[in-house]
Amino acid sequence: MSQQLDNIVRQVGEVILGKEHQIRLAIACMLARGHLLIEDIPGVGKTTLAHALAVTLGLQFQRIQFTSDLLPADILGVSIYERDAGSFRFHPGPIFAQLILADEINRATPKTQSALLEAMEEHQVTTEGETRPLPEPFFVIATQNPSHQIGTFPLPESQLDRFLMRIEIGYPDAGAERALLQGIDRRDLLPTLTPCMQPADLAMQQRNVREVHVAPALLDYLQALIDHSRKSTDYVHGLSPRASLALLNAARAWAMMDDRKQVLPEDVQAILPGVVGHRLFMARDNTRINGADIARQLIEEVAIP
């Protein structure tokens, strides 16, 4: 791993204790130019992780708290008539930032959730008949509570598919929790963080990801995983072409973070739970199961060429 990326993992790890694997997945997602969905119970550090990543990566940060009464205009912005100028002036919403934290995204109505679709896919928004570009780089980190909790609106599959990865943070282990209990509030550490990277550096690292070599045999393995998901009767439907590209790009990013210039099958297996867990639904009851379980099943059933 380059020294720069190593410093990012280390600094964020000082805030989110004992979760290096999840931190690495989040960074790999951003290096692959993807958006990240963090789904877990309240209080495990979802919001803190997003804020720590924004500061450490040197990105302009905006937090949007999703609630049932939030409107699309509250996200995108609105034109207001200015009497002195005699015309309407557009006031950009919080979406016009480099890293957006869509906090508790599934507490907003589907209409409001859909306001993010164009932004996530096209890096632009269209309001009042005019298309406006968003800053580059542009990332959305969304957090959501488990769908069984009161007051949530499940994200539609089209919205879920826009997220390159979905991860869970989980409870800390005993050692990390002891350090958490004995130390200061982790949110108090956020103002002490310093950028380890600038947006131009991040853009360069993203270009480096595309240079990581992928052998034909590795593509055979990736295609075999995709094809199995489509032919298996275990799932409602298989992985889409967008999902196959997500697998490839994330595996490249993971290999680069391990300071390698070629993707290995182990790289695909490492990022598989985060990429496929929110895209595959079980055919027997049309429910989503743990991403690690789905990935384990695919790895066991698909041989490496």
Protein backbone atom coordinates (compact mmCIF):
# COMPACT_ATOMS: atom_id res chain seq x y z
CA MET A 1 0.00 0.00 0.00
CA SER A 2 1.34 3.48 -0.77
CA GLN A 3 2.39 5.58 2.20
CA GLN A 4 -0.42 8.03 1.51
CA LEU A 5 -3.13 5.37 1.63
CA ASP A 6 -1.49 3.80 4.66
CA ASN A 7 -1.69 7.13 6.49
CA ILE A 8 -5.39 7.41 5.64
CA VAL A 9 -6.20 3.98 7.05
CA ARG A 10 -4.14 4.70 10.18
CA GLN A 11 -5.71 8.09 10.89
CA VAL A 12 -9.30 6.95 10.37
CA GLY A 13 -8.49 3.89 12.48
CA GLU A 14 -7.63 6.17 15.39
CA VAL A 15 -11.25 7.34 15.37
CA ILE A 16 -13.04 4.11 14.42
CA LEU A 17 -11.32 1.58 16.64
CA GLY A 18 -10.79 -2.04 15.64
CA LYS A 19 -12.43 -1.73 12.21
CA GLU A 20 -9.50 -1.68 9.79
CA HIS A 21 -11.19 -4.05 7.32
CA GLN A 22 -14.31 -1.87 7.08
CA ILE A 23 -12.16 1.25 6.71
CA ARG A 24 -10.20 -0.36 3.91
CA LEU A 25 -13.42 -1.36 2.16
CA ALA A 26 -14.74 2.19 2.39
CA ILE A 27 -11.53 3.63 0.95
CA ALA A 28 -11.44 1.00 -1.81
CA CYS A 29 -15.01 1.95 -2.71
CA MET A 30 -14.02 5.60 -3.13
CA LEU A 31 -10.87 4.75 -5.07
CA ALA A 32 -13.11 2.78 -7.44
CA ARG A 33 -15.24 5.93 -7.90
CA GLY A 34 -18.22 4.36 -6.17
CA HIS A 35 -20.79 5.34 -3.56
CA LEU A 36 -20.99 3.63 -0.20
CA LEU A 37 -23.97 2.43 1.85
CA ILE A 38 -23.38 1.69 5.54
CA GLU A 39 -26.21 -0.29 7.12
CA ASP A 40 -26.14 -1.05 10.82
CA ILE A 41 -27.86 -0.37 14.12
CA PRO A 42 -27.59 3.13 15.64
CA GLY A 43 -24.52 3.94 17.67
CA VAL A 44 -21.76 1.88 16.03
CA GLY A 45 -20.00 4.81 14.29
CA LYS A 46 -21.56 5.08 10.82
CA THR A 47 -21.73 8.88 10.81
CA THR A 48 -18.35 9.27 12.49
CA LEU A 49 -16.70 7.07 9.87
CA ALA A 50 -18.11 9.18 7.02
CA HIS A 51 -16.97 12.42 8.66
CA ALA A 52 -13.49 11.04 9.39
CA LEU A 53 -13.10 9.94 5.76
CA ALA A 54 -14.12 13.37 4.48
CA VAL A 55 -11.57 15.19 6.64
CA THR A 56 -8.79 12.70 5.99
CA LEU A 57 -9.33 12.76 2.21
CA GLY A 58 -9.48 16.57 2.18
CA LEU A 59 -12.98 16.68 0.70
CA GLN A 60 -15.64 19.35 1.10
CA PHE A 61 -18.24 17.75 3.37
CA GLN A 62 -21.99 18.16 3.77
CA ARG A 63 -24.31 16.17 5.98
CA ILE A 64 -27.98 15.77 5.06
CA GLN A 65 -30.21 14.38 7.79
CA PHE A 66 -32.96 12.43 6.06
CA THR A 67 -36.36 12.63 7.72
CA SER A 68 -39.91 11.84 6.64
CA ASP A 69 -40.66 15.51 5.90
CA LEU A 70 -37.48 16.20 3.88
CA LEU A 71 -38.23 17.44 0.34
CA PRO A 72 -36.13 17.08 -2.84
CA ALA A 73 -35.62 20.87 -2.92
CA ASP A 74 -34.02 20.65 0.52
CA ILE A 75 -31.29 18.52 -1.09
CA LEU A 76 -30.95 20.02 -4.58
CA GLY A 77 -31.59 23.68 -3.91
CA VAL A 78 -34.21 26.22 -4.93
CA SER A 79 -34.54 29.49 -6.87
CA ILE A 80 -35.58 32.51 -4.81
CA TYR A 81 -36.79 35.81 -6.23
CA GLU A 82 -34.50 38.71 -5.35
CA ARG A 83 -36.30 42.01 -5.44
CA ASP A 84 -33.18 44.16 -5.89
CA ALA A 85 -32.00 42.18 -8.91
CA GLY A 86 -35.51 41.71 -10.26
CA SER A 87 -34.87 38.06 -11.03
CA PHE A 88 -34.69 34.59 -9.53
CA ARG A 89 -31.37 33.37 -8.15
CA PHE A 90 -30.58 29.71 -7.61
CA HIS A 91 -29.42 28.80 -4.13
CA PRO A 92 -27.55 25.47 -4.27
CA GLY A 93 -28.56 22.79 -1.80
CA PRO A 94 -26.18 20.67 0.26
CA ILE A 95 -25.79 18.19 -2.62
CA PHE A 96 -23.20 20.58 -4.10
CA ALA A 97 -20.26 19.22 -2.12
CA GLN A 98 -17.57 16.64 -2.78
CA LEU A 99 -18.64 14.17 -0.10
CA ILE A 100 -22.27 13.92 0.94
CA LEU A 101 -23.36 12.09 4.05
CA ALA A 102 -26.96 11.01 3.49
CA ASP A 103 -27.64 10.16 7.11
CA GLU A 104 -30.44 7.65 7.79
CA ILE A 105 -31.40 7.71 4.12
CA ASN A 106 -34.20 5.19 4.59
CA ARG A 107 -36.11 7.51 6.93
CA ALA A 108 -37.03 9.75 3.97
CA THR A 109 -39.85 9.06 1.54
CA PRO A 110 -39.10 7.38 -1.81
CA LYS A 111 -39.68 10.71 -3.59
CA THR A 112 -36.90 12.33 -1.61
CA GLN A 113 -34.62 9.31 -1.90
CA SER A 114 -34.95 9.48 -5.69
CA ALA A 115 -33.53 13.03 -5.67
CA LEU A 116 -30.11 11.42 -5.29
CA LEU A 117 -30.37 9.10 -8.31
CA GLU A 118 -29.22 11.52 -11.02
CA ALA A 119 -26.52 12.95 -8.76
CA MET A 120 -25.07 9.53 -7.98
CA GLU A 121 -25.17 8.28 -11.57
CA GLU A 122 -24.39 11.38 -13.63
CA HIS A 123 -22.61 13.67 -11.11
CA GLN A 124 -25.11 16.39 -11.99
CA VAL A 125 -28.56 17.56 -10.95
CA THR A 126 -31.40 18.93 -13.03
CA THR A 127 -33.63 21.45 -11.32
CA GLU A 128 -36.14 23.87 -12.84
CA GLY A 129 -35.15 22.80 -16.34
CA GLU A 130 -31.43 23.47 -15.93
CA THR A 131 -28.66 20.92 -15.49
CA ARG A 132 -25.93 21.82 -13.04
CA PRO A 133 -22.68 19.85 -12.61
CA LEU A 134 -21.58 18.70 -9.18
CA PRO A 135 -18.06 19.15 -7.79
CA GLU A 136 -15.41 16.57 -8.58
CA PRO A 137 -14.71 14.21 -7.04
CA PHE A 138 -18.24 13.45 -5.87
CA PHE A 139 -19.20 10.71 -3.44
CA VAL A 140 -22.29 9.78 -1.49
CA ILE A 141 -21.92 7.88 1.78
CA ALA A 142 -25.38 6.90 2.95
CA THR A 143 -26.22 5.37 6.29
CA GLN A 144 -29.37 3.46 7.02
CA ASN A 145 -30.90 1.66 9.95
CA PRO A 146 -32.07 -1.94 9.57
CA SER A 147 -35.33 -2.03 7.62
CA HIS A 148 -37.24 -3.66 10.46
CA GLN A 149 -36.89 -0.53 12.61
CA ILE A 150 -39.88 1.78 12.95
CA GLY A 151 -40.16 4.73 10.55
CA THR A 152 -38.05 3.45 7.67
CA PHE A 153 -38.78 3.29 3.94
CA PRO A 154 -36.81 0.47 2.26
CA LEU A 155 -34.59 1.64 -0.59
CA PRO A 156 -35.81 0.39 -3.99
CA GLU A 157 -33.51 -1.95 -5.90
CA SER A 158 -32.71 0.75 -8.47
CA GLN A 159 -31.40 2.96 -5.68
CA LEU A 160 -29.50 0.16 -3.97
CA ASP A 161 -27.76 -0.71 -7.24
CA ARG A 162 -26.27 2.81 -7.41
CA PHE A 163 -24.14 2.01 -4.36
CA LEU A 164 -20.97 0.20 -5.32
CA MET A 165 -20.70 -1.31 -1.83
CA ARG A 166 -22.80 -1.91 1.24
CA ILE A 167 -20.92 -2.60 4.45
CA GLU A 168 -21.71 -3.16 8.11
CA ILE A 169 -19.51 -1.87 10.92
CA GLY A 170 -20.67 -4.18 13.70
CA TYR A 171 -19.82 -4.18 17.38
CA PRO A 172 -16.21 -3.56 18.45
CA ASP A 173 -14.21 -6.40 19.91
CA ALA A 174 -13.39 -6.42 23.61
CA GLY A 175 -10.03 -4.69 23.23
CA ALA A 176 -11.38 -1.90 21.02
CA GLU A 177 -14.37 -1.35 23.30
CA ARG A 178 -12.12 -1.10 26.36
CA ALA A 179 -10.04 1.56 24.57
CA LEU A 180 -13.27 3.29 23.60
CA LEU A 181 -14.49 3.32 27.20
CA GLN A 182 -11.18 4.53 28.60
CA GLY A 183 -10.49 7.16 25.92
CA ILE A 184 -12.14 10.40 24.94
CA ASP A 185 -15.31 10.67 22.85
CA ARG A 186 -14.31 9.68 19.30
CA ARG A 187 -16.28 12.60 17.86
CA ASP A 188 -14.01 14.96 19.81
CA LEU A 189 -11.11 13.62 17.74
CA LEU A 190 -12.62 14.78 14.44
CA PRO A 191 -11.42 18.43 14.76
CA THR A 192 -7.88 17.14 15.37
CA LEU A 193 -7.71 15.21 12.09
CA THR A 194 -5.63 16.60 9.24
CA PRO A 195 -6.01 15.91 5.51
CA CYS A 196 -3.70 13.12 4.33
CA MET A 197 -4.70 13.70 0.72
CA GLN A 198 -6.05 16.46 -1.51
CA PRO A 199 -8.76 16.05 -4.18
CA ALA A 200 -6.09 16.11 -6.92
CA ASP A 201 -4.20 13.30 -5.18
CA LEU A 202 -7.40 11.28 -4.90
CA ALA A 203 -8.05 11.74 -8.62
CA MET A 204 -4.52 10.48 -9.33
CA GLN A 205 -5.05 7.41 -7.15
CA GLN A 206 -8.32 6.71 -8.96
CA ARG A 207 -6.45 6.80 -12.27
CA ASN A 208 -3.88 4.41 -10.81
CA VAL A 209 -6.69 1.97 -9.98
CA ARG A 210 -7.59 1.74 -13.66
CA GLU A 211 -3.99 0.82 -14.45
CA VAL A 212 -4.02 -2.30 -12.23
CA HIS A 213 -3.66 -5.31 -14.54
CA VAL A 214 -6.48 -7.85 -14.86
CA ALA A 215 -5.48 -11.15 -16.46
CA PRO A 216 -7.88 -13.02 -18.79
CA ALA A 217 -8.09 -15.87 -16.24
CA LEU A 218 -9.22 -13.40 -13.59
CA LEU A 219 -11.93 -12.10 -15.92
CA ASP A 220 -13.00 -15.71 -16.46
CA TYR A 221 -13.42 -16.09 -12.71
CA LEU A 222 -15.35 -12.86 -12.38
CA GLN A 223 -17.64 -13.81 -15.27
CA ALA A 224 -18.19 -17.24 -13.75
CA LEU A 225 -19.39 -15.63 -10.51
CA ILE A 226 -21.73 -13.32 -12.41
CA ASP A 227 -23.05 -16.13 -14.61
CA HIS A 228 -23.68 -18.39 -11.62
CA SER A 229 -25.73 -15.70 -9.88
CA ARG A 230 -27.89 -15.38 -13.00
CA LYS A 231 -28.46 -19.09 -13.52
CA SER A 232 -28.89 -20.11 -9.89
CA THR A 233 -32.43 -20.68 -8.66
CA ASP A 234 -31.42 -19.40 -5.24
CA TYR A 235 -31.79 -15.74 -6.25
CA VAL A 236 -34.68 -13.67 -7.60
CA HIS A 237 -32.39 -12.36 -10.35
CA GLY A 238 -28.68 -12.32 -11.00
CA LEU A 239 -26.08 -9.60 -10.86
CA SER A 240 -26.37 -6.81 -13.42
CA PRO A 241 -23.63 -5.52 -15.76
CA ARG A 242 -23.25 -2.58 -13.37
CA ALA A 243 -22.53 -5.09 -10.60
CA SER A 244 -19.88 -6.85 -12.70
CA LEU A 245 -18.12 -3.52 -13.32
CA ALA A 246 -18.37 -2.76 -9.61
CA LEU A 247 -16.70 -6.08 -8.80
CA LEU A 248 -13.89 -5.42 -11.24
CA ASN A 249 -13.23 -1.84 -10.14
CA ALA A 250 -13.40 -2.66 -6.43
CA ALA A 251 -11.05 -5.63 -6.86
CA ARG A 252 -8.57 -3.38 -8.67
CA ALA A 253 -8.74 -0.85 -5.83
CA TRP A 254 -8.25 -3.59 -3.23
CA ALA A 255 -5.19 -4.91 -5.09
CA MET A 256 -3.71 -1.41 -5.29
CA MET A 257 -4.23 -0.90 -1.56
CA ASP A 258 -2.18 -4.08 -1.07
CA ASP A 259 0.50 -2.45 -3.25
CA ARG A 260 0.07 -4.93 -6.10
CA LYS A 261 -0.21 -4.18 -9.81
CA GLN A 262 -2.29 -7.25 -10.67
CA VAL A 263 -5.67 -8.44 -9.40
CA LEU A 264 -5.79 -11.86 -7.73
CA PRO A 265 -8.86 -14.05 -7.07
CA GLU A 266 -8.40 -13.24 -3.38
CA ASP A 267 -9.05 -9.57 -4.17
CA VAL A 268 -12.38 -10.44 -5.78
CA GLN A 269 -13.31 -12.62 -2.81
CA ALA A 270 -12.37 -9.89 -0.32
CA ILE A 271 -14.70 -7.29 -1.79
CA LEU A 272 -17.44 -9.74 -2.88
CA PRO A 273 -19.62 -9.42 0.27
CA GLY A 274 -19.76 -5.63 0.02
CA VAL A 275 -20.57 -5.59 -3.69
CA VAL A 276 -23.16 -8.37 -3.96
CA GLY A 277 -24.83 -8.39 -0.53
CA HIS A 278 -27.32 -5.63 -1.35
CA ARG A 279 -27.95 -6.78 -4.92
CA LEU A 280 -29.04 -10.40 -4.51
CA PHE A 281 -32.37 -11.43 -3.00
CA MET A 282 -33.25 -14.98 -2.04
CA ALA A 283 -35.86 -16.55 -4.32
CA ARG A 284 -37.57 -18.54 -1.57
CA ASP A 285 -38.83 -15.47 0.34
CA ASN A 286 -37.60 -12.44 -1.65
CA THR A 287 -35.42 -11.28 1.24
CA ARG A 288 -31.84 -10.12 1.42
CA ILE A 289 -29.45 -12.11 3.58
CA ASN A 290 -26.07 -11.23 5.00
CA GLY A 291 -23.57 -10.28 2.30
CA ALA A 292 -20.89 -12.50 3.82
CA ASP A 293 -23.21 -15.51 3.57
CA ILE A 294 -24.00 -14.80 -0.08
CA ALA A 295 -20.33 -14.33 -0.89
CA ARG A 296 -19.41 -17.54 0.92
CA GLN A 297 -22.01 -19.44 -1.08
CA LEU A 298 -20.77 -18.03 -4.39
CA ILE A 299 -17.12 -18.75 -3.53
CA GLU A 300 -17.93 -22.33 -2.60
CA GLU A 301 -20.00 -22.99 -5.71
CA VAL A 302 -17.79 -21.28 -8.31
CA ALA A 303 -14.33 -22.74 -8.86
CA ILE A 304 -11.31 -20.55 -9.61
CA PRO A 305 -10.22 -21.23 -13.24
